[in-house]
Amino acid sequence: MLKQRILAAALALASAGAAFGAAPKTEVIHWWTSSSEAAAVRTIADAYRAAGGVWTDTAIAGADQARAVAINRIVGGNAPMAAQFNTTKQFTDLVEQGMLNNVDDVALREGWDKFLPEPVLSVIRVKGHYYAVPVNIHMQAWIWYSKAAFQKAGIAKEPANVDELFAALDKLKAAGLIPLAHGGQPWQENILFLSMLAHMGGTELYLKVLRDRDPAAINSEAFRRVLLNFKRLQSYVDAGAPGRNWNDATALVISGKAGIQVMGDWAKGEFGAAHQSAGKEYGCIAGFGPRSPYLIQGDAFVFPKTDNAQQIKYQKLLASVIVAPRTQIAFNKLKGSIPIRGDVDASGMDPCAKAGMAIMKDRTRHVGIGEVYLTPDQNGAMQDVLTSFWNTKMPAEKAQKLIAAALRNEQ
């Protein structure tokens, strides 16, 4: 209730500060600061300016930091024109407190419901209104591998199931290489966990645990085996893993010092910057088998509340430009993600992106990442348990009980 009162008071302040007729704000807050990310976001800014928009760039390193700045600015009455969030429940509180403008007319006019996957629609559409424009689709559980490392370790073909994955890790270890390139940070451990849950449990167990938060599923033997194999992965990381950034882990694969990394498809930007090509120097595995779930996440822009007519026009124009096929292709080629719409020409995309776009045509394989189904509090509580389980001798049975308790938290 205190949080609601603070947000309500801030909304009143923000509304008072956004008086009709004031100069429109053109600032866009985002966290795309690496070389490949900066090049990608420029394609959006350039297309937007060409369509008549005005873009003032505010790039803040780090997703958590950028979101914190955006929320503080919105709550404090000094909101930007648009701000980046992930296509998850990260901005639900802002929607519920009436602090965002919707872009309903753009979504309806351009038929977003026809091409957006359900895990994306479920978070940007709240009570029938569209409060964010999705930019892309990332899949965070890709398995990347160095072809040179595989050759050195005598691995003749890429793993086709979890057992073969562990067999490959064993061969890499025996060859004196780092089997699994990892950065010991909670969000990276969460990625390893979700990957193992998807690959071992399939869509049914994955959704029972994360979407339904079913205690029976969380306490099942099948979920216990997922946790044990998640923990088993720790035996394949090197002593330098704790605190390592994801891109530094990717660099180990690029150099051939490590064999495998489980990471989102934003890692492709690092391979590209190193002038490596999919299928030549590195390989990519989206999942094991034709029914493997594709873990959908991505980026989106929200539009803070304003009564300024010109700023509202800018917001709606940006929403329209972002989903335009030409913008989608230009941006995602550089970002490493795939377009949010399947009706674009994929001929110029890289082999990994083409594989992802082919999978997306099968809607039965669409599932969201944990944050699509969980509140930030629930996701944070689960992540705390996973990190503790990863770094201590906690029994799997205790982790199951703690995860069940964490996912009961509705605050």
Protein backbone atom coordinates (compact mmCIF):
# COMPACT_ATOMS: atom_id res chain seq x y z
CA MET A 1 0.00 0.00 0.00
CA LEU A 2 2.87 2.39 0.78
CA LYS A 3 4.35 1.70 -2.63
CA GLN A 4 1.00 2.43 -4.25
CA ARG A 5 0.64 5.72 -2.38
CA ILE A 6 4.13 6.81 -3.42
CA LEU A 7 3.45 5.94 -7.05
CA ALA A 8 0.08 7.68 -6.97
CA ALA A 9 1.65 10.83 -5.55
CA ALA A 10 4.39 10.68 -8.15
CA LEU A 11 1.81 10.29 -10.90
CA ALA A 12 0.10 13.45 -9.78
CA LEU A 13 3.45 15.23 -9.83
CA ALA A 14 4.30 13.86 -13.27
CA SER A 15 0.92 14.85 -14.68
CA ALA A 16 1.30 18.35 -13.30
CA GLY A 17 4.74 18.64 -14.87
CA ALA A 18 3.55 17.48 -18.30
CA ALA A 19 1.22 20.36 -18.96
CA PHE A 20 -0.37 20.57 -22.39
CA GLY A 21 1.53 22.93 -24.64
CA ALA A 22 4.92 22.50 -22.98
CA ALA A 23 7.88 21.66 -25.21
CA PRO A 24 7.77 17.94 -26.07
CA LYS A 25 10.54 15.71 -24.75
CA THR A 26 12.39 13.66 -27.31
CA GLU A 27 14.69 11.69 -25.02
CA VAL A 28 14.95 7.90 -25.33
CA ILE A 29 16.56 5.96 -22.46
CA HIS A 30 18.13 2.58 -23.27
CA TRP A 31 21.02 0.32 -22.21
CA TRP A 32 22.50 -0.55 -25.59
CA THR A 33 26.06 0.65 -25.12
CA SER A 34 28.34 -2.03 -26.64
CA SER A 35 29.60 -1.45 -30.18
CA SER A 36 27.18 -3.92 -31.77
CA GLU A 37 24.26 -2.70 -29.64
CA ALA A 38 24.99 0.95 -30.41
CA ALA A 39 25.10 0.18 -34.12
CA ALA A 40 21.78 -1.66 -33.85
CA VAL A 41 19.92 1.08 -31.99
CA ARG A 42 21.16 3.63 -34.53
CA THR A 43 19.10 1.84 -37.17
CA ILE A 44 15.95 2.58 -35.13
CA ALA A 45 16.96 6.19 -34.46
CA ASP A 46 17.76 6.79 -38.13
CA ALA A 47 14.49 5.27 -39.35
CA TYR A 48 12.55 7.26 -36.76
CA ARG A 49 14.20 10.54 -37.75
CA ALA A 50 13.60 9.78 -41.42
CA ALA A 51 9.89 9.39 -40.59
CA GLY A 52 9.79 12.80 -38.93
CA GLY A 53 10.61 11.96 -35.32
CA VAL A 54 13.14 13.62 -33.03
CA TRP A 55 15.46 11.30 -31.06
CA THR A 56 17.66 12.45 -28.18
CA ASP A 57 19.80 9.52 -27.09
CA THR A 58 20.45 8.64 -23.42
CA ALA A 59 22.41 5.38 -23.27
CA ILE A 60 23.07 3.99 -19.78
CA ALA A 61 25.34 0.97 -19.35
CA GLY A 62 23.65 -1.95 -17.63
CA ALA A 63 20.01 -3.00 -17.91
CA ASP A 64 19.31 -2.75 -14.17
CA GLN A 65 20.85 0.71 -13.97
CA ALA A 66 19.02 1.98 -17.04
CA ARG A 67 15.66 0.70 -15.77
CA ALA A 68 16.27 2.26 -12.36
CA VAL A 69 17.02 5.63 -13.94
CA ALA A 70 13.93 5.39 -16.16
CA ILE A 71 11.64 4.46 -13.26
CA ASN A 72 13.04 7.20 -11.03
CA ARG A 73 12.61 9.74 -13.80
CA ILE A 74 9.03 8.63 -14.49
CA VAL A 75 8.09 8.59 -10.81
CA GLY A 76 9.85 11.91 -10.23
CA GLY A 77 7.94 13.78 -12.94
CA ASN A 78 10.87 14.12 -15.36
CA ALA A 79 10.02 11.29 -17.71
CA PRO A 80 11.69 10.69 -21.08
CA MET A 81 9.67 10.29 -24.26
CA ALA A 82 10.38 6.53 -24.26
CA ALA A 83 12.33 4.05 -22.13
CA GLN A 84 13.63 0.54 -22.70
CA PHE A 85 12.44 -2.42 -20.65
CA ASN A 86 12.41 -6.14 -21.33
CA THR A 87 9.24 -7.77 -22.60
CA THR A 88 8.43 -9.09 -19.14
CA LYS A 89 6.48 -7.89 -16.10
CA GLN A 90 9.17 -5.30 -15.30
CA PHE A 91 6.85 -2.39 -16.15
CA THR A 92 3.59 -3.85 -14.77
CA ASP A 93 3.61 -1.55 -11.71
CA LEU A 94 3.90 1.51 -13.97
CA VAL A 95 0.93 0.30 -16.02
CA GLU A 96 -1.18 -0.37 -12.93
CA GLN A 97 -0.45 3.08 -11.54
CA GLY A 98 -1.47 4.80 -14.79
CA MET A 99 2.03 6.12 -15.51
CA LEU A 100 2.27 4.97 -19.13
CA ASN A 101 0.50 6.00 -22.32
CA ASN A 102 -0.93 3.21 -24.42
CA VAL A 103 -0.41 2.85 -28.17
CA ASP A 104 -3.68 1.05 -28.86
CA ASP A 105 -4.40 2.75 -32.18
CA VAL A 106 -0.98 1.79 -33.58
CA ALA A 107 -1.31 -1.83 -32.41
CA LEU A 108 -4.81 -2.20 -33.82
CA ARG A 109 -4.08 -0.41 -37.09
CA GLU A 110 -0.98 -2.50 -37.77
CA GLY A 111 -2.39 -5.81 -36.51
CA TRP A 112 0.08 -6.65 -33.75
CA ASP A 113 -2.12 -9.52 -32.59
CA LYS A 114 -1.59 -11.25 -35.93
CA PHE A 115 2.19 -11.57 -35.71
CA LEU A 116 3.25 -11.21 -32.07
CA PRO A 117 3.79 -14.45 -30.11
CA GLU A 118 1.59 -14.98 -27.07
CA PRO A 119 4.41 -14.69 -24.45
CA VAL A 120 5.08 -11.19 -25.81
CA LEU A 121 1.43 -10.17 -26.09
CA SER A 122 0.76 -11.39 -22.56
CA VAL A 123 3.03 -8.73 -21.07
CA ILE A 124 2.64 -5.75 -23.41
CA ARG A 125 -1.18 -6.01 -23.52
CA VAL A 126 -2.78 -5.30 -20.14
CA LYS A 127 -6.56 -5.37 -19.79
CA GLY A 128 -6.91 -4.96 -23.55
CA HIS A 129 -4.52 -2.01 -23.88
CA TYR A 130 -1.02 -2.03 -25.44
CA TYR A 131 1.56 -0.31 -23.24
CA ALA A 132 4.85 -1.24 -24.93
CA VAL A 133 6.22 -1.81 -28.40
CA PRO A 134 8.35 -4.98 -28.68
CA VAL A 135 11.57 -4.55 -30.61
CA ASN A 136 12.86 -8.09 -31.02
CA ILE A 137 12.88 -11.68 -29.83
CA HIS A 138 15.88 -13.00 -27.95
CA MET A 139 16.26 -16.62 -26.95
CA GLN A 140 18.43 -16.88 -23.88
CA ALA A 141 19.17 -20.61 -23.81
CA TRP A 142 21.24 -21.00 -27.00
CA ILE A 143 24.21 -23.36 -26.74
CA TRP A 144 27.25 -21.83 -28.48
CA TYR A 145 30.33 -23.90 -29.18
CA SER A 146 33.79 -23.43 -30.63
CA LYS A 147 34.43 -25.66 -33.62
CA ALA A 148 38.19 -25.49 -32.97
CA ALA A 149 37.70 -26.61 -29.37
CA PHE A 150 35.41 -29.43 -30.45
CA GLN A 151 37.99 -30.57 -32.98
CA LYS A 152 40.77 -30.51 -30.38
CA ALA A 153 38.62 -32.54 -27.97
CA GLY A 154 37.66 -35.08 -30.64
CA ILE A 155 33.96 -34.20 -30.66
CA ALA A 156 32.75 -35.22 -34.12
CA LYS A 157 29.17 -33.92 -33.98
CA GLU A 158 27.23 -31.41 -31.97
CA PRO A 159 25.25 -32.72 -28.97
CA ALA A 160 21.69 -33.80 -29.73
CA ASN A 161 20.46 -34.31 -26.15
CA VAL A 162 21.44 -33.61 -22.55
CA ASP A 163 23.45 -36.82 -22.18
CA GLU A 164 25.49 -35.97 -25.26
CA LEU A 165 25.99 -32.45 -23.92
CA PHE A 166 27.58 -33.81 -20.76
CA ALA A 167 29.65 -36.26 -22.81
CA ALA A 168 30.98 -33.33 -24.85
CA LEU A 169 31.79 -31.40 -21.68
CA ASP A 170 33.73 -34.42 -20.38
CA LYS A 171 35.78 -34.60 -23.59
CA LEU A 172 36.55 -30.89 -23.46
CA LYS A 173 37.70 -31.26 -19.87
CA ALA A 174 39.92 -34.21 -20.76
CA ALA A 175 41.48 -32.13 -23.56
CA GLY A 176 42.59 -29.49 -21.05
CA LEU A 177 40.06 -26.87 -22.20
CA ILE A 178 37.47 -24.97 -20.18
CA PRO A 179 34.38 -27.07 -20.88
CA LEU A 180 31.74 -24.46 -19.98
CA ALA A 181 32.44 -20.73 -20.28
CA HIS A 182 30.44 -19.09 -17.53
CA GLY A 183 30.20 -15.88 -15.59
CA GLY A 184 29.33 -16.50 -11.97
CA GLN A 185 26.54 -13.95 -11.71
CA PRO A 186 22.99 -14.74 -10.55
CA TRP A 187 21.32 -13.91 -13.85
CA GLN A 188 23.75 -16.14 -15.75
CA GLU A 189 23.08 -19.01 -13.36
CA ASN A 190 19.38 -18.42 -13.94
CA ILE A 191 19.98 -18.87 -17.68
CA LEU A 192 21.73 -22.19 -17.07
CA PHE A 193 18.83 -23.33 -14.88
CA LEU A 194 16.13 -22.34 -17.38
CA SER A 195 18.08 -24.02 -20.16
CA MET A 196 18.30 -27.27 -18.22
CA LEU A 197 14.62 -27.06 -17.26
CA ALA A 198 13.65 -26.59 -20.92
CA HIS A 199 15.98 -29.27 -22.28
CA MET A 200 15.14 -31.89 -19.65
CA GLY A 201 11.59 -31.09 -18.64
CA GLY A 202 10.20 -30.00 -21.98
CA THR A 203 7.33 -27.56 -22.33
CA GLU A 204 5.02 -29.33 -19.89
CA LEU A 205 7.28 -29.30 -16.81
CA TYR A 206 8.66 -25.88 -17.72
CA LEU A 207 5.21 -24.29 -17.71
CA LYS A 208 4.00 -26.21 -14.66
CA VAL A 209 6.92 -24.84 -12.65
CA LEU A 210 7.12 -21.25 -13.90
CA ARG A 211 3.69 -20.34 -15.25
CA ASP A 212 1.48 -22.46 -12.99
CA ARG A 213 3.85 -22.51 -9.99
CA ASP A 214 2.48 -25.98 -9.28
CA PRO A 215 3.87 -27.27 -5.94
CA ALA A 216 3.53 -30.88 -7.07
CA ALA A 217 5.64 -30.20 -10.16
CA ILE A 218 8.26 -28.25 -8.19
CA ASN A 219 8.57 -31.04 -5.64
CA SER A 220 8.56 -33.81 -8.26
CA GLU A 221 11.41 -36.22 -8.99
CA ALA A 222 11.59 -34.85 -12.54
CA PHE A 223 12.29 -31.34 -11.24
CA ARG A 224 14.80 -32.71 -8.73
CA ARG A 225 16.74 -34.26 -11.64
CA VAL A 226 16.72 -30.89 -13.42
CA LEU A 227 18.27 -29.26 -10.35
CA LEU A 228 20.90 -31.96 -10.03
CA ASN A 229 21.97 -31.59 -13.65
CA PHE A 230 21.97 -27.79 -13.30
CA LYS A 231 24.35 -28.18 -10.34
CA ARG A 232 26.41 -30.74 -12.28
CA LEU A 233 27.26 -28.02 -14.78
CA GLN A 234 29.28 -26.27 -12.08
CA SER A 235 31.92 -28.99 -12.26
CA TYR A 236 32.75 -27.85 -15.80
CA VAL A 237 33.40 -24.13 -15.16
CA ASP A 238 36.85 -22.72 -14.42
CA ALA A 239 38.12 -21.02 -11.25
CA GLY A 240 37.87 -17.59 -12.90
CA ALA A 241 34.11 -17.84 -13.45
CA PRO A 242 32.84 -15.97 -10.34
CA GLY A 243 31.89 -12.42 -11.28
CA ARG A 244 32.93 -12.78 -14.93
CA ASN A 245 30.86 -10.76 -17.41
CA TRP A 246 28.96 -12.71 -20.05
CA ASN A 247 30.91 -11.19 -22.95
CA ASP A 248 34.20 -12.19 -21.33
CA ALA A 249 32.86 -15.75 -21.15
CA THR A 250 31.95 -15.51 -24.85
CA ALA A 251 35.51 -14.35 -25.58
CA LEU A 252 36.78 -17.65 -24.15
CA VAL A 253 34.70 -19.54 -26.72
CA ILE A 254 35.79 -17.19 -29.51
CA SER A 255 39.45 -17.80 -28.67
CA GLY A 256 38.97 -21.58 -28.47
CA LYS A 257 40.03 -21.65 -24.81
CA ALA A 258 36.53 -22.82 -23.87
CA GLY A 259 34.24 -25.19 -25.68
CA ILE A 260 30.66 -24.25 -24.81
CA GLN A 261 28.64 -21.32 -23.49
CA VAL A 262 24.93 -21.24 -22.71
CA MET A 263 23.84 -17.67 -23.36
CA GLY A 264 21.28 -15.58 -25.21
CA ASP A 265 21.62 -14.78 -28.88
CA TRP A 266 23.04 -11.37 -28.07
CA ALA A 267 26.31 -13.32 -27.88
CA LYS A 268 26.31 -13.35 -31.69
CA GLY A 269 27.32 -9.72 -31.62
CA GLU A 270 30.58 -10.72 -29.92
CA PHE A 271 31.27 -13.44 -32.49
CA GLY A 272 30.53 -10.99 -35.27
CA ALA A 273 32.82 -8.33 -33.80
CA ALA A 274 35.57 -10.98 -33.78
CA HIS A 275 34.88 -11.65 -37.49
CA GLN A 276 33.66 -15.17 -36.83
CA SER A 277 30.75 -16.74 -38.69
CA ALA A 278 28.11 -19.24 -37.61
CA GLY A 279 28.76 -22.63 -39.14
CA LYS A 280 32.41 -21.83 -39.75
CA GLU A 281 34.19 -20.89 -36.53
CA TYR A 282 31.30 -21.52 -34.15
CA GLY A 283 28.07 -23.45 -33.92
CA CYS A 284 24.72 -22.74 -32.32
CA ILE A 285 22.09 -25.08 -30.87
CA ALA A 286 18.62 -23.73 -30.09
CA GLY A 287 17.38 -26.89 -28.41
CA PHE A 288 17.36 -30.66 -28.54
CA GLY A 289 14.80 -32.06 -30.93
CA PRO A 290 11.83 -30.67 -32.87
CA ARG A 291 9.67 -30.17 -29.75
CA SER A 292 12.22 -28.32 -27.64
CA PRO A 293 10.69 -25.13 -26.18
CA TYR A 294 12.02 -21.82 -27.49
CA LEU A 295 12.48 -19.46 -24.54
CA ILE A 296 11.20 -16.10 -25.70
CA GLN A 297 12.35 -12.83 -24.25
CA GLY A 298 13.24 -9.51 -25.80
CA ASP A 299 13.33 -5.76 -25.53
CA ALA A 300 10.55 -3.21 -25.64
CA PHE A 301 9.99 0.51 -25.26
CA VAL A 302 7.35 1.98 -22.98
CA PHE A 303 5.90 5.48 -23.28
CA PRO A 304 5.60 7.53 -20.07
CA LYS A 305 2.36 9.38 -19.44
CA THR A 306 2.09 12.83 -20.96
CA ASP A 307 -0.65 15.17 -22.14
CA ASN A 308 1.63 16.92 -24.65
CA ALA A 309 0.03 16.37 -28.05
CA GLN A 310 3.30 16.53 -29.98
CA GLN A 311 5.06 14.13 -27.63
CA ILE A 312 2.18 11.66 -27.95
CA LYS A 313 2.58 11.86 -31.73
CA TYR A 314 6.30 11.14 -31.33
CA GLN A 315 5.54 8.15 -29.12
CA LYS A 316 3.07 6.65 -31.57
CA LEU A 317 5.38 7.31 -34.50
CA LEU A 318 8.22 5.48 -32.72
CA ALA A 319 5.94 2.52 -32.00
CA SER A 320 5.02 2.32 -35.69
CA VAL A 321 8.60 2.69 -36.95
CA ILE A 322 9.96 -0.01 -34.63
CA VAL A 323 7.63 -2.76 -35.90
CA ALA A 324 8.06 -1.80 -39.57
CA PRO A 325 9.59 -4.74 -41.52
CA ARG A 326 12.57 -2.74 -42.80
CA THR A 327 13.47 -1.54 -39.29
CA GLN A 328 13.05 -5.04 -37.92
CA ILE A 329 15.51 -6.53 -40.39
CA ALA A 330 18.10 -3.75 -40.06
CA PHE A 331 18.04 -3.76 -36.26
CA ASN A 332 18.03 -7.50 -35.65
CA LYS A 333 20.82 -8.24 -38.11
CA LEU A 334 23.11 -6.19 -35.89
CA LYS A 335 21.60 -7.04 -32.50
CA GLY A 336 21.78 -10.83 -32.82
CA SER A 337 18.08 -11.26 -32.06
CA ILE A 338 15.32 -12.14 -34.52
CA PRO A 339 12.43 -9.95 -35.72
CA ILE A 340 9.23 -9.92 -33.71
CA ARG A 341 7.30 -10.63 -36.89
CA GLY A 342 7.56 -13.70 -39.06
CA ASP A 343 6.44 -12.04 -42.29
CA VAL A 344 9.79 -10.41 -43.06
CA ASP A 345 12.44 -11.54 -45.53
CA ALA A 346 14.91 -13.72 -43.60
CA SER A 347 17.24 -14.38 -46.53
CA GLY A 348 19.89 -11.97 -45.28
CA MET A 349 19.91 -13.24 -41.69
CA ASP A 350 22.68 -15.45 -40.30
CA PRO A 351 22.16 -19.25 -39.97
CA CYS A 352 21.38 -19.08 -36.24
CA ALA A 353 18.76 -16.37 -36.78
CA LYS A 354 17.24 -18.36 -39.64
CA ALA A 355 17.02 -21.39 -37.36
CA GLY A 356 15.30 -19.31 -34.68
CA MET A 357 12.84 -17.82 -37.16
CA ALA A 358 12.00 -21.29 -38.47
CA ILE A 359 11.32 -22.51 -34.92
CA MET A 360 9.10 -19.49 -34.23
CA LYS A 361 6.73 -20.62 -36.98
CA ASP A 362 5.69 -23.47 -34.65
CA ARG A 363 3.60 -21.79 -31.97
CA THR A 364 3.62 -24.94 -29.82
CA ARG A 365 7.28 -24.23 -29.07
CA HIS A 366 6.66 -20.68 -27.83
CA VAL A 367 7.30 -20.24 -24.11
CA GLY A 368 8.42 -17.23 -22.14
CA ILE A 369 11.43 -16.87 -19.90
CA GLY A 370 10.76 -16.98 -16.17
CA GLU A 371 10.20 -13.22 -15.95
CA VAL A 372 7.29 -13.46 -18.39
CA TYR A 373 5.34 -15.53 -15.86
CA LEU A 374 6.78 -14.28 -12.57
CA THR A 375 6.63 -10.95 -10.82
CA PRO A 376 10.02 -9.26 -10.25
CA ASP A 377 9.79 -10.28 -6.58
CA GLN A 378 9.08 -13.91 -7.40
CA ASN A 379 11.82 -14.05 -10.00
CA GLY A 380 14.32 -12.44 -7.64
CA ALA A 381 13.45 -14.84 -4.83
CA MET A 382 13.84 -17.86 -7.11
CA GLN A 383 17.13 -16.53 -8.46
CA ASP A 384 18.43 -16.13 -4.90
CA VAL A 385 17.69 -19.80 -4.24
CA LEU A 386 19.36 -20.92 -7.47
CA THR A 387 22.50 -18.90 -6.75
CA SER A 388 22.70 -20.31 -3.25
CA PHE A 389 22.17 -23.84 -4.56
CA TRP A 390 24.88 -23.29 -7.21
CA ASN A 391 27.45 -21.95 -4.73
CA THR A 392 26.84 -24.14 -1.66
CA LYS A 393 26.25 -27.77 -0.75
CA MET A 394 22.51 -27.24 -0.44
CA PRO A 395 20.61 -30.50 -1.09
CA ALA A 396 18.34 -30.51 -4.14
CA GLU A 397 15.36 -31.34 -1.93
CA LYS A 398 15.90 -28.16 0.09
CA ALA A 399 16.21 -26.13 -3.11
CA GLN A 400 12.88 -27.56 -4.26
CA LYS A 401 11.16 -26.46 -1.05
CA LEU A 402 12.72 -23.00 -1.17
CA ILE A 403 11.75 -22.51 -4.82
CA ALA A 404 8.16 -23.57 -4.05
CA ALA A 405 8.07 -20.98 -1.24
CA ALA A 406 9.64 -18.29 -3.43
CA LEU A 407 7.05 -18.79 -6.17
CA ARG A 408 4.17 -18.57 -3.69
CA ASN A 409 5.21 -14.97 -3.00
CA GLU A 410 2.63 -12.76 -4.72
CA GLN A 411 4.05 -9.42 -3.62
